[in-house]
Amino acid sequence: MPREESEKKSSFPNKEARYICWNARDEYWKCIDSDENCESLRKIFEEKCPPIWVKHFDRRKQYLDFKEKMKDGFEPLSDEKLPKILTKD
């Protein structure tokens, strides 16, 4: 699988750059959790972190949110909620 151009050119961030990236990520995630407009924080997050890290952190956030929802359990779909193609008529 070919790498993106930005991935080829990026080197591993030093300790200070990692902390800056992690702080930008944390601020962005706090904003998302509070349901505010987070466009400016998203831009900062993307500027401060390598693109592959942004992709990883986005997937991680989705997984953590999913995992949190599953703690409460899930409600199986009833026949009324299923599309007609999946129901037995």
C-alpha atoms as a PDB file:
ATOM      1  CA  MET A   1       0.000   0.000   0.000  1.00  0.00           C
ATOM      2  CA  PRO A   2       1.647   3.256  -1.082  1.00  0.00           C
ATOM      3  CA  ARG A   3       2.145   5.935   1.516  1.00  0.00           C
ATOM      4  CA  GLU A   4       0.834   9.447   1.175  1.00  0.00           C
ATOM      5  CA  GLU A   5       3.420  12.092   0.255  1.00  0.00           C
ATOM      6  CA  SER A   6       3.080  13.796   3.633  1.00  0.00           C
ATOM      7  CA  GLU A   7       3.826  10.505   5.389  1.00  0.00           C
ATOM      8  CA  LYS A   8       7.007   9.929   3.407  1.00  0.00           C
ATOM      9  CA  LYS A   9       8.462  13.337   4.215  1.00  0.00           C
ATOM     10  CA  SER A  10       7.567  13.522   7.895  1.00  0.00           C
ATOM     11  CA  SER A  11      10.070  12.500  10.491  1.00  0.00           C
ATOM     12  CA  PHE A  12       9.225  11.376  13.983  1.00  0.00           C
ATOM     13  CA  PRO A  13       8.367  14.425  16.119  1.00  0.00           C
ATOM     14  CA  ASN A  14      10.624  15.262  19.035  1.00  0.00           C
ATOM     15  CA  LYS A  15       9.380  15.304  22.627  1.00  0.00           C
ATOM     16  CA  GLU A  16       8.243  18.937  22.544  1.00  0.00           C
ATOM     17  CA  ALA A  17       6.388  18.486  19.245  1.00  0.00           C
ATOM     18  CA  ARG A  18       4.637  15.381  20.611  1.00  0.00           C
ATOM     19  CA  TYR A  19       3.424  17.267  23.687  1.00  0.00           C
ATOM     20  CA  ILE A  20       2.169  20.127  21.513  1.00  0.00           C
ATOM     21  CA  CYS A  21       0.313  17.614  19.318  1.00  0.00           C
ATOM     22  CA  TRP A  22      -1.199  15.784  22.281  1.00  0.00           C
ATOM     23  CA  ASN A  23      -2.342  19.056  23.864  1.00  0.00           C
ATOM     24  CA  ALA A  24      -3.953  20.145  20.594  1.00  0.00           C
ATOM     25  CA  ARG A  25      -5.699  16.761  20.374  1.00  0.00           C
ATOM     26  CA  ASP A  26      -6.933  16.965  23.958  1.00  0.00           C
ATOM     27  CA  GLU A  27      -8.316  20.486  23.484  1.00  0.00           C
ATOM     28  CA  TYR A  28     -10.066  19.403  20.279  1.00  0.00           C
ATOM     29  CA  TRP A  29     -11.569  16.319  21.959  1.00  0.00           C
ATOM     30  CA  LYS A  30     -12.845  18.427  24.896  1.00  0.00           C
ATOM     31  CA  CYS A  31     -14.537  20.735  22.410  1.00  0.00           C
ATOM     32  CA  ILE A  32     -16.145  17.817  20.568  1.00  0.00           C
ATOM     33  CA  ASP A  33     -17.441  16.381  23.831  1.00  0.00           C
ATOM     34  CA  SER A  34     -19.033  19.721  24.742  1.00  0.00           C
ATOM     35  CA  ASP A  35     -20.866  19.917  21.366  1.00  0.00           C
ATOM     36  CA  GLU A  36     -19.410  23.308  20.447  1.00  0.00           C
ATOM     37  CA  ASN A  37     -18.153  24.605  17.102  1.00  0.00           C
ATOM     38  CA  CYS A  38     -14.630  23.188  16.929  1.00  0.00           C
ATOM     39  CA  GLU A  39     -13.391  24.166  13.460  1.00  0.00           C
ATOM     40  CA  SER A  40     -10.567  26.370  14.745  1.00  0.00           C
ATOM     41  CA  LEU A  41      -9.371  23.709  17.187  1.00  0.00           C
ATOM     42  CA  ARG A  42      -9.534  21.099  14.428  1.00  0.00           C
ATOM     43  CA  LYS A  43      -7.254  23.249  12.253  1.00  0.00           C
ATOM     44  CA  ILE A  44      -4.774  23.653  15.106  1.00  0.00           C
ATOM     45  CA  PHE A  45      -4.890  19.902  15.751  1.00  0.00           C
ATOM     46  CA  GLU A  46      -4.176  19.174  12.070  1.00  0.00           C
ATOM     47  CA  GLU A  47      -1.346  21.745  11.971  1.00  0.00           C
ATOM     48  CA  LYS A  48       0.377  20.518  15.130  1.00  0.00           C
ATOM     49  CA  CYS A  49       0.190  16.769  14.467  1.00  0.00           C
ATOM     50  CA  PRO A  50       1.558  14.620  11.633  1.00  0.00           C
ATOM     51  CA  PRO A  51      -1.257  13.603   9.230  1.00  0.00           C
ATOM     52  CA  ILE A  52      -0.940   9.910  10.081  1.00  0.00           C
ATOM     53  CA  TRP A  53      -1.330  10.774  13.779  1.00  0.00           C
ATOM     54  CA  VAL A  54      -4.465  12.821  13.047  1.00  0.00           C
ATOM     55  CA  LYS A  55      -5.915   9.826  11.213  1.00  0.00           C
ATOM     56  CA  HIS A  56      -5.012   7.524  14.117  1.00  0.00           C
ATOM     57  CA  PHE A  57      -6.419   9.883  16.767  1.00  0.00           C
ATOM     58  CA  ASP A  58      -9.664  10.313  14.811  1.00  0.00           C
ATOM     59  CA  ARG A  59     -10.125   6.549  14.679  1.00  0.00           C
ATOM     60  CA  ARG A  60      -9.213   6.257  18.352  1.00  0.00           C
ATOM     61  CA  LYS A  61     -11.819   8.873  19.320  1.00  0.00           C
ATOM     62  CA  GLN A  62     -14.507   7.063  17.330  1.00  0.00           C
ATOM     63  CA  TYR A  63     -13.580   3.787  19.036  1.00  0.00           C
ATOM     64  CA  LEU A  64     -13.593   5.321  22.522  1.00  0.00           C
ATOM     65  CA  ASP A  65     -16.990   6.930  21.898  1.00  0.00           C
ATOM     66  CA  PHE A  66     -18.364   3.604  20.615  1.00  0.00           C
ATOM     67  CA  LYS A  67     -16.920   1.774  23.618  1.00  0.00           C
ATOM     68  CA  GLU A  68     -18.518   4.295  25.979  1.00  0.00           C
ATOM     69  CA  LYS A  69     -21.920   3.784  24.348  1.00  0.00           C
ATOM     70  CA  MET A  70     -21.554   0.024  24.682  1.00  0.00           C
ATOM     71  CA  LYS A  71     -20.997   0.333  28.444  1.00  0.00           C
ATOM     72  CA  ASP A  72     -24.641   1.315  28.713  1.00  0.00           C
ATOM     73  CA  GLY A  73     -25.554  -1.681  26.613  1.00  0.00           C
ATOM     74  CA  PHE A  74     -27.327  -1.635  23.331  1.00  0.00           C
ATOM     75  CA  GLU A  75     -30.866  -2.103  22.284  1.00  0.00           C
ATOM     76  CA  PRO A  76     -31.306  -4.664  19.523  1.00  0.00           C
ATOM     77  CA  LEU A  77     -33.316  -3.435  16.583  1.00  0.00           C
ATOM     78  CA  SER A  78     -36.929  -4.469  16.624  1.00  0.00           C
ATOM     79  CA  ASP A  79     -38.709  -5.471  13.428  1.00  0.00           C
ATOM     80  CA  GLU A  80     -40.272  -1.993  13.256  1.00  0.00           C
ATOM     81  CA  LYS A  81     -36.823  -0.371  13.099  1.00  0.00           C
ATOM     82  CA  LEU A  82     -35.405  -2.713  10.466  1.00  0.00           C
ATOM     83  CA  PRO A  83     -35.574  -1.826   6.794  1.00  0.00           C
ATOM     84  CA  LYS A  84     -38.393  -3.625   4.988  1.00  0.00           C
ATOM     85  CA  ILE A  85     -35.909  -5.671   2.970  1.00  0.00           C
ATOM     86  CA  LEU A  86     -34.680  -7.349   6.179  1.00  0.00           C
ATOM     87  CA  THR A  87     -38.048  -8.092   7.730  1.00  0.00           C
ATOM     88  CA  LYS A  88     -40.020 -11.273   7.217  1.00  0.00           C
ATOM     89  CA  ASP A  89     -43.390 -10.384   5.735  1.00  0.00           C
END
